[in-house]
N, C-alpha and C. Protein backbone atom coordinates (compact mmCIF):
# COMPACT_ATOMS: atom_id res chain seq x y z
N UNK A 1 38.11 62.32 146.43
CA UNK A 1 38.74 61.38 145.54
C UNK A 1 39.94 62.05 144.87
N UNK A 2 40.72 61.25 144.23
CA UNK A 2 41.92 61.75 143.59
C UNK A 2 41.64 62.41 142.25
N UNK A 3 42.65 63.05 141.75
CA UNK A 3 42.49 63.70 140.45
C UNK A 3 43.36 63.04 139.40
N UNK A 4 43.63 61.76 139.57
CA UNK A 4 44.51 61.04 138.66
C UNK A 4 43.99 60.98 137.24
N UNK A 5 42.70 60.71 137.08
CA UNK A 5 42.14 60.59 135.74
C UNK A 5 42.14 61.94 135.02
N UNK A 6 41.75 63.01 135.71
CA UNK A 6 41.72 64.33 135.07
C UNK A 6 43.14 64.83 134.78
N UNK A 7 44.06 64.53 135.67
CA UNK A 7 45.45 64.94 135.42
C UNK A 7 46.02 64.18 134.23
N UNK A 8 45.70 62.90 134.11
CA UNK A 8 46.17 62.12 132.98
C UNK A 8 45.60 62.65 131.67
N UNK A 9 44.34 63.06 131.70
CA UNK A 9 43.72 63.62 130.50
C UNK A 9 44.37 64.95 130.12
N UNK A 10 44.63 65.81 131.10
CA UNK A 10 45.28 67.09 130.83
C UNK A 10 46.69 66.87 130.30
N UNK A 11 47.40 65.89 130.84
CA UNK A 11 48.75 65.59 130.38
C UNK A 11 48.71 65.10 128.93
N UNK A 12 47.73 64.27 128.61
CA UNK A 12 47.60 63.78 127.24
C UNK A 12 47.32 64.92 126.27
N UNK A 13 46.42 65.82 126.63
CA UNK A 13 46.10 66.95 125.77
C UNK A 13 47.32 67.85 125.59
N UNK A 14 48.03 68.12 126.68
CA UNK A 14 49.22 68.97 126.60
C UNK A 14 50.30 68.33 125.73
N UNK A 15 50.47 67.04 125.86
CA UNK A 15 51.47 66.34 125.06
C UNK A 15 51.08 66.35 123.58
N UNK A 16 49.80 66.16 123.31
CA UNK A 16 49.33 66.21 121.92
C UNK A 16 49.56 67.59 121.31
N UNK A 17 49.30 68.64 122.08
CA UNK A 17 49.52 69.99 121.57
C UNK A 17 51.00 70.28 121.37
N UNK A 18 51.83 69.78 122.25
CA UNK A 18 53.26 70.06 122.18
C UNK A 18 53.91 69.36 121.00
N UNK A 19 53.56 68.12 120.77
CA UNK A 19 54.27 67.32 119.77
C UNK A 19 53.54 67.19 118.45
N UNK A 20 52.32 67.70 118.34
CA UNK A 20 51.63 67.60 117.06
C UNK A 20 52.19 68.65 116.11
N UNK A 21 52.16 68.34 114.85
CA UNK A 21 52.68 69.24 113.84
C UNK A 21 51.51 70.04 113.27
N UNK A 22 51.18 71.12 113.93
CA UNK A 22 50.07 71.95 113.49
C UNK A 22 50.59 73.07 112.62
N UNK A 23 49.91 73.29 111.52
CA UNK A 23 50.28 74.39 110.64
C UNK A 23 49.66 75.67 111.18
N UNK A 24 50.49 76.68 111.42
CA UNK A 24 50.01 77.96 111.91
C UNK A 24 50.35 79.04 110.90
N UNK A 25 49.42 79.93 110.68
CA UNK A 25 49.65 81.06 109.82
C UNK A 25 50.10 82.23 110.70
N UNK A 26 51.40 82.34 110.89
CA UNK A 26 51.94 83.35 111.80
C UNK A 26 51.75 84.76 111.28
N UNK A 27 51.73 84.93 109.97
CA UNK A 27 51.53 86.27 109.41
C UNK A 27 50.13 86.80 109.73
N UNK A 28 49.12 85.96 109.57
CA UNK A 28 47.76 86.41 109.89
C UNK A 28 47.58 86.63 111.38
N UNK A 29 48.27 85.82 112.20
CA UNK A 29 48.21 86.01 113.65
C UNK A 29 48.83 87.35 114.04
N UNK A 30 49.99 87.66 113.48
CA UNK A 30 50.64 88.94 113.78
C UNK A 30 49.79 90.11 113.32
N UNK A 31 49.18 89.97 112.14
CA UNK A 31 48.32 91.04 111.63
C UNK A 31 47.12 91.25 112.54
N UNK A 32 46.52 90.16 113.00
CA UNK A 32 45.37 90.26 113.89
C UNK A 32 45.74 90.91 115.21
N UNK A 33 46.90 90.57 115.74
CA UNK A 33 47.32 91.13 117.02
C UNK A 33 47.68 92.60 116.89
N UNK A 34 48.29 92.99 115.78
CA UNK A 34 48.68 94.38 115.62
C UNK A 34 47.52 95.28 115.25
N UNK A 35 46.51 94.74 114.58
CA UNK A 35 45.36 95.54 114.18
C UNK A 35 44.27 95.58 115.24
N UNK A 36 44.50 94.95 116.36
CA UNK A 36 43.46 94.83 117.37
C UNK A 36 43.11 96.17 118.01
N UNK A 37 44.09 97.00 118.29
CA UNK A 37 43.84 98.28 118.95
C UNK A 37 44.31 99.41 118.04
N UNK A 38 43.45 99.94 117.18
CA UNK A 38 43.87 101.01 116.28
C UNK A 38 44.18 102.29 117.05
N UNK A 39 45.06 103.08 116.50
CA UNK A 39 45.46 104.33 117.12
C UNK A 39 44.42 105.39 116.81
N UNK A 40 43.97 106.07 117.84
CA UNK A 40 42.94 107.09 117.67
C UNK A 40 43.58 108.41 117.28
N UNK A 41 43.00 109.05 116.26
CA UNK A 41 43.49 110.36 115.84
C UNK A 41 42.97 111.41 116.81
N UNK A 42 43.70 112.49 116.95
CA UNK A 42 43.35 113.52 117.90
C UNK A 42 42.48 114.61 117.34
N UNK A 43 42.11 114.55 116.04
CA UNK A 43 41.37 115.66 115.44
C UNK A 43 39.89 115.64 115.80
N UNK A 44 39.32 114.53 116.19
CA UNK A 44 37.93 114.47 116.60
C UNK A 44 36.94 114.40 115.46
N UNK A 45 37.40 114.38 114.20
CA UNK A 45 36.50 114.34 113.05
C UNK A 45 36.15 112.92 112.63
N UNK A 46 36.76 111.94 113.21
CA UNK A 46 36.57 110.56 112.81
C UNK A 46 35.36 109.98 113.54
N UNK A 47 34.32 109.57 112.80
CA UNK A 47 33.12 109.00 113.40
C UNK A 47 33.29 107.55 113.81
N UNK A 48 34.42 106.94 113.46
CA UNK A 48 34.65 105.56 113.83
C UNK A 48 34.70 105.39 115.34
N UNK A 49 35.21 106.38 116.04
CA UNK A 49 35.37 106.30 117.48
C UNK A 49 34.31 107.10 118.22
N UNK A 50 33.25 107.46 117.53
CA UNK A 50 32.20 108.25 118.17
C UNK A 50 31.49 107.43 119.23
N UNK A 51 31.09 108.07 120.29
CA UNK A 51 30.38 107.41 121.37
C UNK A 51 28.93 107.20 120.96
N UNK A 52 28.46 105.96 120.84
CA UNK A 52 27.08 105.74 120.40
C UNK A 52 26.05 106.21 121.41
N UNK A 53 26.45 106.44 122.66
CA UNK A 53 25.51 106.86 123.69
C UNK A 53 25.64 108.34 124.04
N UNK A 54 26.38 109.10 123.23
CA UNK A 54 26.63 110.50 123.54
C UNK A 54 25.35 111.34 123.40
N UNK A 55 24.45 110.98 122.50
CA UNK A 55 23.26 111.77 122.23
C UNK A 55 21.99 111.09 122.74
N UNK A 56 22.08 110.40 123.85
CA UNK A 56 20.88 109.75 124.36
C UNK A 56 20.02 110.76 125.10
N UNK A 57 18.89 110.34 125.57
CA UNK A 57 17.93 111.22 126.22
C UNK A 57 18.06 111.21 127.73
N UNK A 58 19.24 111.37 128.21
CA UNK A 58 19.49 111.36 129.65
C UNK A 58 19.18 112.73 130.24
N UNK A 59 18.31 112.76 131.21
CA UNK A 59 17.96 114.00 131.89
C UNK A 59 18.38 113.89 133.34
N UNK A 60 19.38 114.65 133.78
CA UNK A 60 19.79 114.57 135.18
C UNK A 60 18.70 115.13 136.08
N UNK A 61 18.65 114.70 137.33
CA UNK A 61 17.63 115.14 138.28
C UNK A 61 17.85 116.53 138.74
């Protein structure tokens, strides 16, 4: 069968998103994107980046 109905629905959604006047908080978006990957310090004293599985009970054969 055709995809006319689904394409019409997708077109309607896209048009609504394009022409609707949505308020966006661009400052919080930029902050979220920039804070997503923090820079790791090279000193090794920071427990924030510690491997939680480093001290498990793994015994090699």
